[in-house]
């Protein structure tokens, strides 16, 4: 197995474990709120899709359907955050940004116009190269911005589980700010894996 295959295998293991963890949390009896269960099921769906993506070259869902699904999923987090009466709406919206960004990244990877890289354009299509180059530059910018945001969140989350950084805090009442001691590990790992997938995918 070459280096690319090893990376794909590691990502598959990571996303499969995250998907199982998400389903487990969604069906946990103590998690009774429908919004909280919805959060976890969306995370599980995203992780399961990305677990298959390295081997299916992004074809785990039909691209238009995948784009639509994950776009709605990205909107789910901020829309439901403002209806959770736990603290200020501004703080709730801020907490919803990382999962929303992850879903937006998934929608971006599923976007039909660039989700699958095609062969080089024939010579008689050279007249459209300027437009194509503009689209490619825009795509690279969006990809880089999403990857950097996810990487920053991953580093922030993963450093929170280091022994020297663990602190006792009041239990959170929002599913996005998870009370579980290893919640940041799962969140950070998912964000890190998503950022890697973005860079590999484009």
C-alpha atoms as a PDB file:
ATOM      1  CA  UNK A   1       0.000   0.000   0.000  1.00  0.00           C
ATOM      2  CA  UNK A   2       1.424   3.390  -1.005  1.00  0.00           C
ATOM      3  CA  UNK A   3       1.462   6.536   1.137  1.00  0.00           C
ATOM      4  CA  UNK A   4      -1.820   7.775  -0.310  1.00  0.00           C
ATOM      5  CA  UNK A   5      -3.498   4.478   0.529  1.00  0.00           C
ATOM      6  CA  UNK A   6      -2.206   4.658   4.104  1.00  0.00           C
ATOM      7  CA  UNK A   7      -3.625   8.172   4.517  1.00  0.00           C
ATOM      8  CA  UNK A   8      -6.953   7.058   3.064  1.00  0.00           C
ATOM      9  CA  UNK A   9      -7.067   4.076   5.424  1.00  0.00           C
ATOM     10  CA  UNK A  10      -6.328   6.278   8.450  1.00  0.00           C
ATOM     11  CA  UNK A  11      -9.045   8.728   7.421  1.00  0.00           C
ATOM     12  CA  UNK A  12     -11.515   5.890   6.920  1.00  0.00           C
ATOM     13  CA  UNK A  13     -10.812   4.518  10.403  1.00  0.00           C
ATOM     14  CA  UNK A  14     -11.131   8.003  11.918  1.00  0.00           C
ATOM     15  CA  UNK A  15     -14.412   8.833  10.197  1.00  0.00           C
ATOM     16  CA  UNK A  16     -15.898   5.389  10.839  1.00  0.00           C
ATOM     17  CA  UNK A  17     -15.141   5.692  14.553  1.00  0.00           C
ATOM     18  CA  UNK A  18     -16.591   9.212  14.583  1.00  0.00           C
ATOM     19  CA  UNK A  19     -19.753   8.034  12.820  1.00  0.00           C
ATOM     20  CA  UNK A  20     -20.254   5.216  15.344  1.00  0.00           C
ATOM     21  CA  UNK A  21     -19.646   7.645  18.190  1.00  0.00           C
ATOM     22  CA  UNK A  22     -22.177  10.086  16.740  1.00  0.00           C
ATOM     23  CA  UNK A  23     -24.868   7.441  16.390  1.00  0.00           C
ATOM     24  CA  UNK A  24     -24.177   6.234  19.928  1.00  0.00           C
ATOM     25  CA  UNK A  25     -24.596   9.730  21.308  1.00  0.00           C
ATOM     26  CA  UNK A  26     -27.725  10.328  19.228  1.00  0.00           C
ATOM     27  CA  UNK A  27     -29.493   7.287  20.672  1.00  0.00           C
ATOM     28  CA  UNK A  28     -28.230   7.761  24.238  1.00  0.00           C
ATOM     29  CA  UNK A  29     -31.254   7.884  26.598  1.00  0.00           C
ATOM     30  CA  UNK A  30     -29.933  10.928  28.452  1.00  0.00           C
ATOM     31  CA  UNK A  31     -29.894  12.968  25.227  1.00  0.00           C
ATOM     32  CA  UNK A  32     -33.625  13.579  24.927  1.00  0.00           C
ATOM     33  CA  UNK A  33     -33.693  16.849  22.974  1.00  0.00           C
ATOM     34  CA  UNK A  34     -34.536  16.487  19.298  1.00  0.00           C
ATOM     35  CA  UNK A  35     -32.118  19.235  18.350  1.00  0.00           C
ATOM     36  CA  UNK A  36     -29.266  17.494  20.152  1.00  0.00           C
ATOM     37  CA  UNK A  37     -30.117  14.191  18.488  1.00  0.00           C
ATOM     38  CA  UNK A  38     -30.296  15.965  15.145  1.00  0.00           C
ATOM     39  CA  UNK A  39     -26.832  17.435  15.715  1.00  0.00           C
ATOM     40  CA  UNK A  40     -25.317  14.030  16.345  1.00  0.00           C
ATOM     41  CA  UNK A  41     -27.095  12.297  13.473  1.00  0.00           C
ATOM     42  CA  UNK A  42     -25.863  14.973  11.063  1.00  0.00           C
ATOM     43  CA  UNK A  43     -22.323  14.546  12.368  1.00  0.00           C
ATOM     44  CA  UNK A  44     -22.653  10.773  11.948  1.00  0.00           C
ATOM     45  CA  UNK A  45     -23.973  11.147   8.376  1.00  0.00           C
ATOM     46  CA  UNK A  46     -21.101  13.450   7.481  1.00  0.00           C
ATOM     47  CA  UNK A  47     -18.516  11.121   9.015  1.00  0.00           C
ATOM     48  CA  UNK A  48     -19.975   8.057   7.283  1.00  0.00           C
ATOM     49  CA  UNK A  49     -19.944   9.856   3.927  1.00  0.00           C
ATOM     50  CA  UNK A  50     -16.327  10.906   4.365  1.00  0.00           C
ATOM     51  CA  UNK A  51     -15.323   7.404   5.470  1.00  0.00           C
ATOM     52  CA  UNK A  52     -16.383   6.144   2.043  1.00  0.00           C
ATOM     53  CA  UNK A  53     -15.191   9.164   0.064  1.00  0.00           C
ATOM     54  CA  UNK A  54     -11.467   8.242  -0.211  1.00  0.00           C
ATOM     55  CA  UNK A  55     -12.394   4.974  -1.926  1.00  0.00           C
ATOM     56  CA  UNK A  56     -15.310   6.195  -4.027  1.00  0.00           C
ATOM     57  CA  UNK A  57     -13.600   9.411  -5.193  1.00  0.00           C
ATOM     58  CA  UNK A  58     -16.405  11.509  -3.741  1.00  0.00           C
ATOM     59  CA  UNK A  59     -19.203   9.507  -5.362  1.00  0.00           C
ATOM     60  CA  UNK A  60     -20.787   8.212  -2.138  1.00  0.00           C
ATOM     61  CA  UNK A  61     -23.772  10.484  -2.840  1.00  0.00           C
ATOM     62  CA  UNK A  62     -25.003  11.897  -6.159  1.00  0.00           C
ATOM     63  CA  UNK A  63     -23.292  15.268  -6.183  1.00  0.00           C
ATOM     64  CA  UNK A  64     -26.402  17.510  -6.422  1.00  0.00           C
ATOM     65  CA  UNK A  65     -28.116  15.542  -3.654  1.00  0.00           C
ATOM     66  CA  UNK A  66     -24.978  15.602  -1.498  1.00  0.00           C
ATOM     67  CA  UNK A  67     -24.517  19.329  -1.976  1.00  0.00           C
ATOM     68  CA  UNK A  68     -28.147  20.045  -1.086  1.00  0.00           C
ATOM     69  CA  UNK A  69     -28.119  17.772   1.955  1.00  0.00           C
ATOM     70  CA  UNK A  70     -24.958  19.178   3.492  1.00  0.00           C
ATOM     71  CA  UNK A  71     -25.934  22.764   2.671  1.00  0.00           C
ATOM     72  CA  UNK A  72     -29.133  22.270   4.662  1.00  0.00           C
ATOM     73  CA  UNK A  73     -27.064  20.583   7.383  1.00  0.00           C
ATOM     74  CA  UNK A  74     -24.744  23.613   7.506  1.00  0.00           C
ATOM     75  CA  UNK A  75     -27.757  25.882   7.994  1.00  0.00           C
ATOM     76  CA  UNK A  76     -29.230  23.582  10.657  1.00  0.00           C
ATOM     77  CA  UNK A  77     -26.674  24.522  13.304  1.00  0.00           C
ATOM     78  CA  UNK A  78     -27.014  28.330  13.306  1.00  0.00           C
ATOM     79  CA  UNK A  79     -30.798  28.192  12.735  1.00  0.00           C
ATOM     80  CA  UNK A  80     -31.391  25.839  15.658  1.00  0.00           C
ATOM     81  CA  UNK A  81     -28.801  27.609  17.814  1.00  0.00           C
ATOM     82  CA  UNK A  82     -30.885  30.786  18.042  1.00  0.00           C
ATOM     83  CA  UNK A  83     -33.834  28.754  19.357  1.00  0.00           C
ATOM     84  CA  UNK A  84     -31.904  27.254  22.251  1.00  0.00           C
ATOM     85  CA  UNK A  85     -32.605  29.509  25.211  1.00  0.00           C
ATOM     86  CA  UNK A  86     -29.310  28.924  26.991  1.00  0.00           C
ATOM     87  CA  UNK A  87     -27.435  32.191  27.247  1.00  0.00           C
ATOM     88  CA  UNK A  88     -27.198  34.831  24.552  1.00  0.00           C
ATOM     89  CA  UNK A  89     -28.064  34.128  20.941  1.00  0.00           C
ATOM     90  CA  UNK A  90     -24.765  35.628  19.847  1.00  0.00           C
ATOM     91  CA  UNK A  91     -22.830  33.111  21.948  1.00  0.00           C
ATOM     92  CA  UNK A  92     -25.004  30.274  20.641  1.00  0.00           C
ATOM     93  CA  UNK A  93     -24.344  31.374  17.061  1.00  0.00           C
ATOM     94  CA  UNK A  94     -20.602  31.510  17.756  1.00  0.00           C
ATOM     95  CA  UNK A  95     -20.679  27.938  19.102  1.00  0.00           C
ATOM     96  CA  UNK A  96     -22.575  26.798  16.017  1.00  0.00           C
ATOM     97  CA  UNK A  97     -19.952  28.074  13.580  1.00  0.00           C
ATOM     98  CA  UNK A  98     -17.462  25.142  13.791  1.00  0.00           C
ATOM     99  CA  UNK A  99     -20.002  22.389  13.007  1.00  0.00           C
ATOM    100  CA  UNK A 100     -21.629  24.597  10.382  1.00  0.00           C
ATOM    101  CA  UNK A 101     -18.225  25.136   8.768  1.00  0.00           C
ATOM    102  CA  UNK A 102     -17.623  21.383   8.691  1.00  0.00           C
ATOM    103  CA  UNK A 103     -20.954  20.803   6.955  1.00  0.00           C
ATOM    104  CA  UNK A 104     -20.232  23.641   4.532  1.00  0.00           C
ATOM    105  CA  UNK A 105     -16.890  22.014   3.708  1.00  0.00           C
ATOM    106  CA  UNK A 106     -18.686  18.759   2.997  1.00  0.00           C
ATOM    107  CA  UNK A 107     -21.184  20.542   0.734  1.00  0.00           C
ATOM    108  CA  UNK A 108     -18.248  22.185  -1.038  1.00  0.00           C
ATOM    109  CA  UNK A 109     -16.592  18.821  -1.659  1.00  0.00           C
ATOM    110  CA  UNK A 110     -19.862  17.497  -3.082  1.00  0.00           C
ATOM    111  CA  UNK A 111     -20.434  20.518  -5.319  1.00  0.00           C
ATOM    112  CA  UNK A 112     -20.774  19.102  -8.880  1.00  0.00           C
ATOM    113  CA  UNK A 113     -18.791  21.786 -10.713  1.00  0.00           C
ATOM    114  CA  UNK A 114     -15.507  20.848  -9.076  1.00  0.00           C
ATOM    115  CA  UNK A 115     -16.069  17.759  -6.937  1.00  0.00           C
ATOM    116  CA  UNK A 116     -14.569  15.526  -9.611  1.00  0.00           C
ATOM    117  CA  UNK A 117     -11.451  16.645 -11.383  1.00  0.00           C
ATOM    118  CA  UNK A 118     -11.725  15.934 -15.074  1.00  0.00           C
ATOM    119  CA  UNK A 119      -9.064  15.517 -17.752  1.00  0.00           C
ATOM    120  CA  UNK A 120      -7.332  18.538 -19.265  1.00  0.00           C
ATOM    121  CA  UNK A 121      -9.440  20.559 -21.681  1.00  0.00           C
ATOM    122  CA  UNK A 122      -8.821  19.979 -25.400  1.00  0.00           C
ATOM    123  CA  UNK A 123      -6.885  22.574 -27.342  1.00  0.00           C
ATOM    124  CA  UNK A 124      -9.999  23.901 -29.119  1.00  0.00           C
ATOM    125  CA  UNK A 125     -11.406  24.957 -25.741  1.00  0.00           C
ATOM    126  CA  UNK A 126      -8.579  27.390 -25.068  1.00  0.00           C
ATOM    127  CA  UNK A 127     -10.959  30.318 -25.441  1.00  0.00           C
ATOM    128  CA  UNK A 128     -12.624  29.368 -22.147  1.00  0.00           C
ATOM    129  CA  UNK A 129      -9.382  29.061 -20.192  1.00  0.00           C
ATOM    130  CA  UNK A 130      -9.717  32.547 -18.695  1.00  0.00           C
ATOM    131  CA  UNK A 131     -13.118  31.707 -17.206  1.00  0.00           C
ATOM    132  CA  UNK A 132     -11.872  28.317 -16.028  1.00  0.00           C
ATOM    133  CA  UNK A 133      -8.816  29.863 -14.421  1.00  0.00           C
ATOM    134  CA  UNK A 134     -11.052  32.345 -12.576  1.00  0.00           C
ATOM    135  CA  UNK A 135     -13.247  29.526 -11.282  1.00  0.00           C
ATOM    136  CA  UNK A 136     -10.182  27.527 -10.252  1.00  0.00           C
ATOM    137  CA  UNK A 137      -8.732  30.487  -8.357  1.00  0.00           C
ATOM    138  CA  UNK A 138     -12.042  31.031  -6.572  1.00  0.00           C
ATOM    139  CA  UNK A 139     -12.301  27.323  -5.752  1.00  0.00           C
ATOM    140  CA  UNK A 140      -8.778  27.297  -4.346  1.00  0.00           C
ATOM    141  CA  UNK A 141      -9.545  30.344  -2.217  1.00  0.00           C
ATOM    142  CA  UNK A 142     -12.730  28.830  -0.805  1.00  0.00           C
ATOM    143  CA  UNK A 143     -10.987  25.523  -0.153  1.00  0.00           C
ATOM    144  CA  UNK A 144      -8.074  27.207   1.606  1.00  0.00           C
ATOM    145  CA  UNK A 145     -10.379  29.339   3.759  1.00  0.00           C
ATOM    146  CA  UNK A 146     -12.480  26.356   4.843  1.00  0.00           C
ATOM    147  CA  UNK A 147      -9.400  24.217   5.503  1.00  0.00           C
ATOM    148  CA  UNK A 148      -7.735  26.939   7.606  1.00  0.00           C
ATOM    149  CA  UNK A 149     -10.888  27.493   9.682  1.00  0.00           C
ATOM    150  CA  UNK A 150     -11.243  23.774  10.321  1.00  0.00           C
ATOM    151  CA  UNK A 151      -7.555  23.380  11.123  1.00  0.00           C
ATOM    152  CA  UNK A 152      -7.682  26.250  13.627  1.00  0.00           C
ATOM    153  CA  UNK A 153     -10.731  24.699  15.307  1.00  0.00           C
ATOM    154  CA  UNK A 154      -9.067  21.269  15.313  1.00  0.00           C
ATOM    155  CA  UNK A 155      -5.959  22.598  17.042  1.00  0.00           C
ATOM    156  CA  UNK A 156      -8.069  24.503  19.569  1.00  0.00           C
ATOM    157  CA  UNK A 157     -10.180  21.428  20.367  1.00  0.00           C
ATOM    158  CA  UNK A 158      -7.354  18.903  20.487  1.00  0.00           C
ATOM    159  CA  UNK A 159      -5.209  21.032  22.795  1.00  0.00           C
ATOM    160  CA  UNK A 160      -8.128  21.194  25.221  1.00  0.00           C
ATOM    161  CA  UNK A 161      -7.788  17.460  25.932  1.00  0.00           C
ATOM    162  CA  UNK A 162      -4.087  17.699  26.776  1.00  0.00           C
ATOM    163  CA  UNK A 163      -3.428  16.929  30.469  1.00  0.00           C
ATOM    164  CA  UNK A 164      -2.134  20.427  31.214  1.00  0.00           C
ATOM    165  CA  UNK A 165      -5.116  22.111  29.568  1.00  0.00           C
ATOM    166  CA  UNK A 166      -7.937  20.206  31.248  1.00  0.00           C
ATOM    167  CA  UNK A 167      -9.972  22.397  33.566  1.00  0.00           C
ATOM    168  CA  UNK A 168     -13.150  21.903  35.470  1.00  0.00           C
ATOM    169  CA  UNK A 169     -16.013  23.922  34.086  1.00  0.00           C
ATOM    170  CA  UNK A 170     -19.749  24.078  34.479  1.00  0.00           C
ATOM    171  CA  UNK A 171     -21.610  21.479  32.425  1.00  0.00           C
ATOM    172  CA  UNK A 172     -22.754  22.846  29.083  1.00  0.00           C
ATOM    173  CA  UNK A 173     -26.411  22.821  28.155  1.00  0.00           C
ATOM    174  CA  UNK A 174     -25.833  22.931  24.408  1.00  0.00           C
ATOM    175  CA  UNK A 175     -24.910  19.922  22.294  1.00  0.00           C
ATOM    176  CA  UNK A 176     -22.390  21.982  20.343  1.00  0.00           C
ATOM    177  CA  UNK A 177     -20.449  22.780  23.548  1.00  0.00           C
ATOM    178  CA  UNK A 178     -20.322  19.191  24.751  1.00  0.00           C
ATOM    179  CA  UNK A 179     -20.065  18.274  28.441  1.00  0.00           C
ATOM    180  CA  UNK A 180     -18.292  14.967  27.780  1.00  0.00           C
ATOM    181  CA  UNK A 181     -14.607  15.085  28.770  1.00  0.00           C
ATOM    182  CA  UNK A 182     -13.479  13.750  25.396  1.00  0.00           C
ATOM    183  CA  UNK A 183     -15.981  15.696  23.293  1.00  0.00           C
ATOM    184  CA  UNK A 184     -13.245  18.119  22.154  1.00  0.00           C
ATOM    185  CA  UNK A 185     -11.168  15.147  20.989  1.00  0.00           C
ATOM    186  CA  UNK A 186     -13.921  13.909  18.691  1.00  0.00           C
ATOM    187  CA  UNK A 187     -14.714  17.425  17.478  1.00  0.00           C
ATOM    188  CA  UNK A 188     -11.065  18.241  16.836  1.00  0.00           C
ATOM    189  CA  UNK A 189     -10.361  14.926  15.118  1.00  0.00           C
ATOM    190  CA  UNK A 190     -13.369  15.381  12.858  1.00  0.00           C
ATOM    191  CA  UNK A 191     -12.316  18.925  11.954  1.00  0.00           C
ATOM    192  CA  UNK A 192      -8.727  17.820  11.305  1.00  0.00           C
ATOM    193  CA  UNK A 193      -9.836  14.930   9.116  1.00  0.00           C
ATOM    194  CA  UNK A 194     -12.209  17.201   7.197  1.00  0.00           C
ATOM    195  CA  UNK A 195      -9.466  19.743   6.528  1.00  0.00           C
ATOM    196  CA  UNK A 196      -7.201  16.963   5.229  1.00  0.00           C
ATOM    197  CA  UNK A 197      -9.993  15.653   3.020  1.00  0.00           C
ATOM    198  CA  UNK A 198     -10.544  19.136   1.621  1.00  0.00           C
ATOM    199  CA  UNK A 199      -6.900  19.480   0.649  1.00  0.00           C
ATOM    200  CA  UNK A 200      -6.711  15.962  -0.805  1.00  0.00           C
ATOM    201  CA  UNK A 201     -10.007  16.355  -2.630  1.00  0.00           C
ATOM    202  CA  UNK A 202      -9.001  19.546  -4.405  1.00  0.00           C
END
